[in-house]
Amino acid sequence: PLKGIHYRLEPLAEGGNELLVKSPLANTSHCDWLHSGDMVKEDENRKLIWCGRKDNIIIKNGFNIHPAEIENAILRIDAIEDVLVTGEENNVKGEIIIAYVKTKPSAIFDEQKLQESLKAFLPGIKIPDKIIRTASFEFTSTGKKINPALILSSQ
């Protein structure tokens, strides 16, 4: 952190840690902790790893799942250029995980192979239930990815 900025991780009842910040730059009194809404974890070197936003959680079978964790795992696969993970309501599971992927131009899309590849990076509960190929994404004015722009066929 920058000089004068302090942080701590606050464990949440539903799992994970929220990043709290204390800084003269934050619009709080000098002794107040600012709740960032960011979910983070610390690695063995005390580096912070961003896991997603506290308000952006998929609840599948009672488990809280951060889309950013799944997106980071999917981006580790060579064939993938970009990804957006979201939840979709489901009567049995609460929500299911949907991953929209943009593949690299030379890549062949195979949903089952992608799901199989993700087992090296994610526990089974976090493997997307559906992986859908898209040509591009729509973005907000601030650059946040919000929707797949055009769904492509399986091939």
N, C-alpha and C. Protein backbone atom coordinates (compact mmCIF):
# COMPACT_ATOMS: atom_id res chain seq x y z
N PRO A 1 0.81 -1.20 0.00
CA PRO A 1 0.00 0.00 0.00
C PRO A 1 0.86 1.27 0.00
N LEU A 2 0.26 2.35 -0.42
CA LEU A 2 0.94 3.64 -0.40
C LEU A 2 1.15 4.11 1.03
N LYS A 3 2.12 4.98 1.23
CA LYS A 3 2.42 5.52 2.55
C LYS A 3 1.16 6.20 3.12
N GLY A 4 0.87 5.90 4.37
CA GLY A 4 -0.29 6.49 5.03
C GLY A 4 -1.59 5.74 4.80
N ILE A 5 -1.57 4.73 3.93
CA ILE A 5 -2.78 3.95 3.66
C ILE A 5 -2.64 2.60 4.35
N HIS A 6 -3.62 2.28 5.15
CA HIS A 6 -3.62 1.01 5.88
C HIS A 6 -4.79 0.18 5.39
N TYR A 7 -4.64 -1.13 5.47
CA TYR A 7 -5.74 -2.00 5.07
C TYR A 7 -5.82 -3.17 6.03
N ARG A 8 -6.98 -3.78 6.03
CA ARG A 8 -7.17 -5.05 6.74
C ARG A 8 -8.24 -5.83 5.99
N LEU A 9 -8.23 -7.13 6.21
CA LEU A 9 -9.22 -8.01 5.59
C LEU A 9 -10.24 -8.40 6.66
N GLU A 10 -11.49 -8.19 6.34
CA GLU A 10 -12.56 -8.53 7.28
C GLU A 10 -13.28 -9.77 6.80
N PRO A 11 -13.17 -10.88 7.55
CA PRO A 11 -13.88 -12.10 7.15
C PRO A 11 -15.39 -11.87 7.16
N LEU A 12 -16.05 -12.42 6.18
CA LEU A 12 -17.50 -12.30 6.07
C LEU A 12 -18.16 -13.62 6.44
N ALA A 13 -19.33 -13.55 7.04
CA ALA A 13 -20.05 -14.75 7.47
C ALA A 13 -20.33 -15.69 6.30
N GLU A 14 -20.58 -15.11 5.12
CA GLU A 14 -20.90 -15.94 3.95
C GLU A 14 -19.65 -16.44 3.24
N GLY A 15 -18.47 -16.15 3.78
CA GLY A 15 -17.21 -16.61 3.21
C GLY A 15 -16.46 -15.49 2.51
N GLY A 16 -15.16 -15.61 2.45
CA GLY A 16 -14.32 -14.62 1.80
C GLY A 16 -13.98 -13.47 2.74
N ASN A 17 -13.21 -12.51 2.23
CA ASN A 17 -12.77 -11.35 3.00
C ASN A 17 -13.04 -10.08 2.22
N GLU A 18 -13.54 -9.07 2.93
CA GLU A 18 -13.72 -7.76 2.32
C GLU A 18 -12.51 -6.90 2.67
N LEU A 19 -12.04 -6.11 1.71
CA LEU A 19 -10.93 -5.19 1.92
C LEU A 19 -11.45 -3.92 2.58
N LEU A 20 -10.88 -3.60 3.74
CA LEU A 20 -11.18 -2.35 4.43
C LEU A 20 -9.95 -1.46 4.36
N VAL A 21 -10.14 -0.17 4.15
CA VAL A 21 -9.03 0.76 3.95
C VAL A 21 -9.18 1.93 4.92
N LYS A 22 -8.05 2.36 5.48
CA LYS A 22 -8.01 3.56 6.31
C LYS A 22 -6.96 4.46 5.69
N SER A 23 -7.37 5.68 5.34
CA SER A 23 -6.46 6.58 4.63
C SER A 23 -6.90 8.02 4.79
N PRO A 24 -5.94 8.94 4.83
CA PRO A 24 -6.32 10.35 4.83
C PRO A 24 -6.95 10.76 3.49
N LEU A 25 -6.76 9.94 2.46
CA LEU A 25 -7.33 10.23 1.14
C LEU A 25 -8.80 9.85 1.05
N ALA A 26 -9.23 8.91 1.91
CA ALA A 26 -10.63 8.49 1.91
C ALA A 26 -11.45 9.54 2.66
N ASN A 27 -12.65 9.76 2.25
CA ASN A 27 -13.50 10.77 2.89
C ASN A 27 -14.14 10.23 4.16
N THR A 28 -13.29 9.85 5.12
CA THR A 28 -13.75 9.38 6.41
C THR A 28 -12.91 10.05 7.49
N SER A 29 -13.32 9.90 8.73
CA SER A 29 -12.48 10.45 9.80
C SER A 29 -11.21 9.59 9.90
N HIS A 30 -10.20 10.10 10.57
CA HIS A 30 -8.91 9.42 10.61
C HIS A 30 -8.95 8.05 11.26
N CYS A 31 -10.00 7.71 11.99
CA CYS A 31 -10.04 6.41 12.66
C CYS A 31 -11.07 5.45 12.05
N ASP A 32 -11.76 5.87 11.00
CA ASP A 32 -12.78 5.02 10.38
C ASP A 32 -12.19 4.14 9.28
N TRP A 33 -12.67 2.93 9.21
CA TRP A 33 -12.30 2.02 8.12
C TRP A 33 -13.35 2.15 7.01
N LEU A 34 -12.89 2.29 5.80
CA LEU A 34 -13.77 2.38 4.64
C LEU A 34 -14.00 0.97 4.08
N HIS A 35 -15.25 0.56 4.00
CA HIS A 35 -15.61 -0.73 3.42
C HIS A 35 -15.57 -0.57 1.90
N SER A 36 -14.62 -1.23 1.25
CA SER A 36 -14.42 -1.05 -0.19
C SER A 36 -15.44 -1.80 -1.03
N GLY A 37 -16.00 -2.89 -0.49
CA GLY A 37 -16.89 -3.74 -1.29
C GLY A 37 -16.12 -4.72 -2.15
N ASP A 38 -14.78 -4.65 -2.08
CA ASP A 38 -13.93 -5.56 -2.85
C ASP A 38 -13.60 -6.80 -2.03
N MET A 39 -13.74 -7.95 -2.66
CA MET A 39 -13.39 -9.22 -2.04
C MET A 39 -11.95 -9.54 -2.44
N VAL A 40 -11.11 -9.82 -1.45
CA VAL A 40 -9.69 -10.09 -1.72
C VAL A 40 -9.21 -11.25 -0.86
N LYS A 41 -8.08 -11.80 -1.27
CA LYS A 41 -7.37 -12.76 -0.43
C LYS A 41 -5.89 -12.40 -0.50
N GLU A 42 -5.15 -12.86 0.48
CA GLU A 42 -3.72 -12.59 0.52
C GLU A 42 -2.97 -13.85 0.15
N ASP A 43 -1.92 -13.71 -0.68
CA ASP A 43 -1.10 -14.87 -1.00
C ASP A 43 -0.02 -15.02 0.06
N GLU A 44 0.85 -16.00 -0.11
CA GLU A 44 1.88 -16.29 0.89
C GLU A 44 2.89 -15.15 1.05
N ASN A 45 2.97 -14.24 0.06
CA ASN A 45 3.87 -13.08 0.13
C ASN A 45 3.15 -11.81 0.58
N ARG A 46 1.93 -11.97 1.08
CA ARG A 46 1.09 -10.86 1.55
C ARG A 46 0.65 -9.93 0.44
N LYS A 47 0.69 -10.39 -0.80
CA LYS A 47 0.13 -9.62 -1.91
C LYS A 47 -1.36 -9.87 -1.95
N LEU A 48 -2.12 -8.81 -2.24
CA LEU A 48 -3.57 -8.94 -2.31
C LEU A 48 -3.99 -9.41 -3.68
N ILE A 49 -4.91 -10.35 -3.70
CA ILE A 49 -5.46 -10.88 -4.94
C ILE A 49 -6.94 -10.53 -4.96
N TRP A 50 -7.34 -9.76 -5.98
CA TRP A 50 -8.73 -9.33 -6.09
C TRP A 50 -9.58 -10.50 -6.56
N CYS A 51 -10.68 -10.75 -5.86
CA CYS A 51 -11.57 -11.87 -6.20
C CYS A 51 -12.91 -11.42 -6.77
N GLY A 52 -13.22 -10.15 -6.68
CA GLY A 52 -14.49 -9.66 -7.21
C GLY A 52 -15.13 -8.68 -6.25
N ARG A 53 -16.33 -8.27 -6.60
CA ARG A 53 -17.08 -7.33 -5.77
C ARG A 53 -18.00 -8.09 -4.82
N LYS A 54 -18.17 -7.57 -3.64
CA LYS A 54 -19.01 -8.18 -2.61
C LYS A 54 -20.44 -8.34 -3.10
N ASP A 55 -20.90 -7.39 -3.91
CA ASP A 55 -22.28 -7.42 -4.39
C ASP A 55 -22.45 -8.20 -5.70
N ASN A 56 -21.38 -8.81 -6.18
CA ASN A 56 -21.44 -9.56 -7.43
C ASN A 56 -21.11 -11.02 -7.13
N ILE A 57 -22.09 -11.73 -6.59
CA ILE A 57 -21.88 -13.11 -6.17
C ILE A 57 -22.96 -13.99 -6.79
N ILE A 58 -22.54 -15.16 -7.23
CA ILE A 58 -23.47 -16.19 -7.71
C ILE A 58 -23.66 -17.15 -6.54
N ILE A 59 -24.91 -17.44 -6.22
CA ILE A 59 -25.19 -18.39 -5.14
C ILE A 59 -25.72 -19.67 -5.77
N LYS A 60 -24.86 -20.69 -5.78
CA LYS A 60 -25.18 -21.97 -6.41
C LYS A 60 -25.16 -23.06 -5.34
N ASN A 61 -26.27 -23.75 -5.17
CA ASN A 61 -26.38 -24.81 -4.15
C ASN A 61 -25.95 -24.32 -2.78
N GLY A 62 -26.21 -23.05 -2.47
CA GLY A 62 -25.86 -22.49 -1.17
C GLY A 62 -24.43 -22.00 -1.05
N PHE A 63 -23.62 -22.14 -2.10
CA PHE A 63 -22.22 -21.67 -2.09
C PHE A 63 -22.14 -20.30 -2.74
N ASN A 64 -21.36 -19.40 -2.14
CA ASN A 64 -21.11 -18.08 -2.73
C ASN A 64 -19.91 -18.19 -3.66
N ILE A 65 -20.13 -17.80 -4.90
CA ILE A 65 -19.10 -17.94 -5.94
C ILE A 65 -18.86 -16.58 -6.57
N HIS A 66 -17.61 -16.19 -6.66
CA HIS A 66 -17.23 -14.91 -7.26
C HIS A 66 -16.93 -15.12 -8.75
N PRO A 67 -17.66 -14.45 -9.63
CA PRO A 67 -17.43 -14.60 -11.07
C PRO A 67 -15.99 -14.31 -11.49
N ALA A 68 -15.33 -13.35 -10.85
CA ALA A 68 -13.96 -12.99 -11.24
C ALA A 68 -13.00 -14.17 -11.09
N GLU A 69 -13.21 -15.00 -10.08
CA GLU A 69 -12.34 -16.17 -9.90
C GLU A 69 -12.48 -17.13 -11.08
N ILE A 70 -13.70 -17.33 -11.54
CA ILE A 70 -13.94 -18.22 -12.67
C ILE A 70 -13.39 -17.59 -13.95
N GLU A 71 -13.60 -16.28 -14.13
CA GLU A 71 -13.08 -15.59 -15.31
C GLU A 71 -11.56 -15.72 -15.39
N ASN A 72 -10.89 -15.53 -14.25
CA ASN A 72 -9.42 -15.66 -14.24
C ASN A 72 -8.97 -17.06 -14.63
N ALA A 73 -9.70 -18.08 -14.16
CA ALA A 73 -9.36 -19.46 -14.52
C ALA A 73 -9.58 -19.71 -16.01
N ILE A 74 -10.69 -19.21 -16.55
CA ILE A 74 -10.98 -19.41 -17.98
C ILE A 74 -9.94 -18.73 -18.84
N LEU A 75 -9.48 -17.56 -18.43
CA LEU A 75 -8.47 -16.83 -19.21
C LEU A 75 -7.11 -17.53 -19.21
N ARG A 76 -6.92 -18.51 -18.36
CA ARG A 76 -5.68 -19.29 -18.36
C ARG A 76 -5.64 -20.30 -19.52
N ILE A 77 -6.79 -20.52 -20.14
CA ILE A 77 -6.87 -21.46 -21.26
C ILE A 77 -6.49 -20.73 -22.54
N ASP A 78 -5.54 -21.28 -23.27
CA ASP A 78 -4.96 -20.62 -24.45
C ASP A 78 -5.98 -20.18 -25.50
N ALA A 79 -7.03 -20.94 -25.69
CA ALA A 79 -7.98 -20.65 -26.76
C ALA A 79 -8.88 -19.44 -26.46
N ILE A 80 -8.87 -18.96 -25.23
CA ILE A 80 -9.81 -17.92 -24.81
C ILE A 80 -9.17 -16.54 -24.86
N GLU A 81 -9.87 -15.61 -25.51
CA GLU A 81 -9.41 -14.23 -25.62
C GLU A 81 -10.06 -13.33 -24.56
N ASP A 82 -11.35 -13.55 -24.28
CA ASP A 82 -12.07 -12.73 -23.30
C ASP A 82 -13.23 -13.54 -22.74
N VAL A 83 -13.74 -13.13 -21.57
CA VAL A 83 -14.79 -13.91 -20.90
C VAL A 83 -15.63 -13.00 -20.02
N LEU A 84 -16.88 -13.39 -19.84
CA LEU A 84 -17.79 -12.76 -18.88
C LEU A 84 -18.56 -13.89 -18.20
N VAL A 85 -18.51 -13.93 -16.88
CA VAL A 85 -19.22 -14.96 -16.12
C VAL A 85 -20.35 -14.30 -15.36
N THR A 86 -21.50 -14.94 -15.41
CA THR A 86 -22.69 -14.41 -14.73
C THR A 86 -23.52 -15.57 -14.19
N GLY A 87 -24.48 -15.25 -13.35
CA GLY A 87 -25.38 -16.28 -12.84
C GLY A 87 -26.73 -16.20 -13.53
N GLU A 88 -27.41 -17.32 -13.57
CA GLU A 88 -28.75 -17.38 -14.15
C GLU A 88 -29.64 -18.13 -13.16
N GLU A 89 -30.83 -17.60 -12.89
CA GLU A 89 -31.73 -18.24 -11.93
C GLU A 89 -32.03 -19.67 -12.35
N ASN A 90 -32.11 -20.54 -11.32
CA ASN A 90 -32.40 -21.95 -11.55
C ASN A 90 -33.26 -22.44 -10.39
N ASN A 91 -34.35 -23.12 -10.69
CA ASN A 91 -35.29 -23.57 -9.65
C ASN A 91 -34.67 -24.57 -8.67
N VAL A 92 -33.72 -25.35 -9.10
CA VAL A 92 -33.13 -26.39 -8.25
C VAL A 92 -31.89 -25.88 -7.51
N LYS A 93 -30.99 -25.21 -8.23
CA LYS A 93 -29.69 -24.82 -7.66
C LYS A 93 -29.64 -23.40 -7.14
N GLY A 94 -30.70 -22.63 -7.30
CA GLY A 94 -30.68 -21.21 -6.94
C GLY A 94 -30.20 -20.40 -8.14
N GLU A 95 -28.93 -20.59 -8.49
CA GLU A 95 -28.37 -20.01 -9.70
C GLU A 95 -27.43 -21.02 -10.33
N ILE A 96 -27.26 -20.92 -11.63
CA ILE A 96 -26.23 -21.70 -12.32
C ILE A 96 -25.23 -20.71 -12.90
N ILE A 97 -24.06 -21.22 -13.24
CA ILE A 97 -22.98 -20.37 -13.75
C ILE A 97 -22.96 -20.42 -15.27
N ILE A 98 -23.01 -19.24 -15.87
CA ILE A 98 -22.95 -19.11 -17.33
C ILE A 98 -21.67 -18.34 -17.66
N ALA A 99 -20.86 -18.89 -18.54
CA ALA A 99 -19.65 -18.21 -19.01
C ALA A 99 -19.81 -17.91 -20.49
N TYR A 100 -19.68 -16.63 -20.85
CA TYR A 100 -19.66 -16.22 -22.25
C TYR A 100 -18.20 -16.02 -22.61
N VAL A 101 -17.75 -16.72 -23.64
CA VAL A 101 -16.33 -16.65 -24.02
C VAL A 101 -16.16 -16.16 -25.44
N LYS A 102 -15.13 -15.37 -25.63
CA LYS A 102 -14.69 -14.97 -26.97
C LYS A 102 -13.39 -15.73 -27.20
N THR A 103 -13.41 -16.60 -28.21
CA THR A 103 -12.22 -17.40 -28.48
C THR A 103 -11.27 -16.65 -29.41
N LYS A 104 -10.02 -17.06 -29.38
CA LYS A 104 -9.04 -16.50 -30.30
C LYS A 104 -9.43 -16.93 -31.71
N PRO A 105 -9.06 -16.14 -32.74
CA PRO A 105 -9.49 -16.42 -34.11
C PRO A 105 -9.23 -17.85 -34.60
N SER A 106 -8.12 -18.43 -34.23
CA SER A 106 -7.78 -19.76 -34.73
C SER A 106 -8.31 -20.90 -33.87
N ALA A 107 -8.95 -20.58 -32.75
CA ALA A 107 -9.39 -21.60 -31.80
C ALA A 107 -10.69 -22.26 -32.24
N ILE A 108 -10.82 -23.54 -31.90
CA ILE A 108 -12.05 -24.29 -32.12
C ILE A 108 -12.78 -24.35 -30.79
N PHE A 109 -14.05 -23.97 -30.80
CA PHE A 109 -14.84 -23.95 -29.57
C PHE A 109 -15.42 -25.32 -29.29
N ASP A 110 -15.18 -25.84 -28.08
CA ASP A 110 -15.75 -27.11 -27.64
C ASP A 110 -16.09 -26.95 -26.15
N GLU A 111 -17.36 -26.80 -25.87
CA GLU A 111 -17.81 -26.54 -24.50
C GLU A 111 -17.35 -27.62 -23.52
N GLN A 112 -17.49 -28.88 -23.89
CA GLN A 112 -17.12 -29.97 -22.98
C GLN A 112 -15.61 -29.98 -22.70
N LYS A 113 -14.80 -29.71 -23.71
CA LYS A 113 -13.34 -29.67 -23.51
C LYS A 113 -12.95 -28.50 -22.60
N LEU A 114 -13.63 -27.37 -22.76
CA LEU A 114 -13.35 -26.22 -21.89
C LEU A 114 -13.71 -26.56 -20.44
N GLN A 115 -14.87 -27.15 -20.24
CA GLN A 115 -15.28 -27.53 -18.89
C GLN A 115 -14.28 -28.53 -18.29
N GLU A 116 -13.83 -29.45 -19.08
CA GLU A 116 -12.84 -30.45 -18.63
C GLU A 116 -11.52 -29.77 -18.27
N SER A 117 -11.08 -28.82 -19.09
CA SER A 117 -9.82 -28.10 -18.84
C SER A 117 -9.89 -27.31 -17.54
N LEU A 118 -11.05 -26.78 -17.21
CA LEU A 118 -11.20 -25.96 -16.01
C LEU A 118 -11.07 -26.75 -14.72
N LYS A 119 -11.19 -28.07 -14.79
CA LYS A 119 -11.05 -28.90 -13.59
C LYS A 119 -9.64 -28.81 -13.00
N ALA A 120 -8.67 -28.39 -13.80
CA ALA A 120 -7.30 -28.21 -13.31
C ALA A 120 -7.18 -26.95 -12.46
N PHE A 121 -8.12 -26.01 -12.61
CA PHE A 121 -8.03 -24.71 -11.94
C PHE A 121 -9.12 -24.44 -10.92
N LEU A 122 -10.25 -25.15 -11.04
CA LEU A 122 -11.42 -24.84 -10.21
C LEU A 122 -12.03 -26.09 -9.60
N PRO A 123 -12.63 -25.97 -8.41
CA PRO A 123 -13.41 -27.10 -7.88
C PRO A 123 -14.68 -27.27 -8.71
N GLY A 124 -15.25 -28.46 -8.69
CA GLY A 124 -16.40 -28.79 -9.52
C GLY A 124 -17.58 -27.84 -9.41
N ILE A 125 -17.87 -27.33 -8.20
CA ILE A 125 -19.01 -26.43 -7.99
C ILE A 125 -18.85 -25.14 -8.79
N LYS A 126 -17.60 -24.77 -9.13
CA LYS A 126 -17.32 -23.51 -9.82
C LYS A 126 -17.16 -23.66 -11.33
N ILE A 127 -17.22 -24.88 -11.83
CA ILE A 127 -17.16 -25.09 -13.28
C ILE A 127 -18.46 -24.57 -13.88
N PRO A 128 -18.39 -23.71 -14.90
CA PRO A 128 -19.63 -23.18 -15.49
C PRO A 128 -20.56 -24.29 -15.97
N ASP A 129 -21.85 -24.11 -15.70
CA ASP A 129 -22.85 -25.06 -16.14
C ASP A 129 -23.05 -24.97 -17.65
N LYS A 130 -22.88 -23.75 -18.18
CA LYS A 130 -22.98 -23.51 -19.62
C LYS A 130 -21.83 -22.60 -20.03
N ILE A 131 -21.23 -22.91 -21.16
CA ILE A 131 -20.22 -22.02 -21.75
C ILE A 131 -20.72 -21.68 -23.15
N ILE A 132 -20.90 -20.40 -23.38
CA ILE A 132 -21.50 -19.94 -24.64
C ILE A 132 -20.49 -19.05 -25.37
N ARG A 133 -20.32 -19.31 -26.64
CA ARG A 133 -19.37 -18.55 -27.45
C ARG A 133 -20.02 -17.26 -27.96
N THR A 134 -19.27 -16.16 -27.87
CA THR A 134 -19.74 -14.86 -28.35
C THR A 134 -18.67 -14.22 -29.22
N ALA A 135 -19.09 -13.34 -30.11
CA ALA A 135 -18.14 -12.65 -30.99
C ALA A 135 -17.51 -11.45 -30.30
N SER A 136 -18.28 -10.82 -29.38
CA SER A 136 -17.78 -9.63 -28.69
C SER A 136 -18.67 -9.34 -27.49
N PHE A 137 -18.32 -8.29 -26.77
CA PHE A 137 -19.07 -7.89 -25.59
C PHE A 137 -19.50 -6.45 -25.69
N GLU A 138 -20.56 -6.10 -24.96
CA GLU A 138 -20.98 -4.71 -24.80
C GLU A 138 -20.38 -4.20 -23.50
N PHE A 139 -20.09 -2.89 -23.47
CA PHE A 139 -19.46 -2.29 -22.30
C PHE A 139 -20.24 -1.05 -21.87
N THR A 140 -20.13 -0.73 -20.57
CA THR A 140 -20.71 0.51 -20.07
C THR A 140 -19.79 1.66 -20.47
N SER A 141 -20.20 2.88 -20.19
CA SER A 141 -19.39 4.06 -20.52
C SER A 141 -18.08 4.08 -19.73
N THR A 142 -18.03 3.34 -18.61
CA THR A 142 -16.79 3.29 -17.81
C THR A 142 -15.94 2.08 -18.16
N GLY A 143 -16.34 1.31 -19.16
CA GLY A 143 -15.54 0.18 -19.61
C GLY A 143 -15.84 -1.15 -18.95
N LYS A 144 -16.90 -1.22 -18.16
CA LYS A 144 -17.28 -2.47 -17.52
C LYS A 144 -18.02 -3.36 -18.52
N LYS A 145 -17.57 -4.60 -18.62
CA LYS A 145 -18.20 -5.57 -19.52
C LYS A 145 -19.56 -5.93 -18.95
N ILE A 146 -20.62 -5.85 -19.79
CA ILE A 146 -21.95 -6.12 -19.25
C ILE A 146 -22.73 -7.23 -19.96
N ASN A 147 -22.53 -7.40 -21.24
CA ASN A 147 -23.32 -8.39 -21.98
C ASN A 147 -22.54 -8.93 -23.15
N PRO A 148 -22.84 -10.18 -23.54
CA PRO A 148 -22.30 -10.62 -24.82
C PRO A 148 -23.06 -9.88 -25.94
N ALA A 149 -22.35 -9.46 -26.94
CA ALA A 149 -22.98 -8.68 -28.02
C ALA A 149 -23.63 -9.58 -29.06
N LEU A 150 -23.01 -10.70 -29.37
CA LEU A 150 -23.51 -11.57 -30.43
C LEU A 150 -23.15 -13.01 -30.08
N ILE A 151 -24.17 -13.84 -29.88
CA ILE A 151 -23.95 -15.26 -29.57
C ILE A 151 -23.66 -15.99 -30.88
N LEU A 152 -22.62 -16.82 -30.85
CA LEU A 152 -22.25 -17.59 -32.04
C LEU A 152 -22.70 -19.04 -31.87
N SER A 153 -22.78 -19.75 -32.97
CA SER A 153 -23.11 -21.18 -32.91
C SER A 153 -21.94 -21.94 -32.31
N SER A 154 -22.15 -23.20 -32.04
CA SER A 154 -21.13 -24.04 -31.38
C SER A 154 -19.81 -24.08 -32.14
N GLN A 155 -19.80 -23.97 -33.42
CA GLN A 155 -18.56 -24.04 -34.18
C GLN A 155 -18.24 -22.70 -34.69
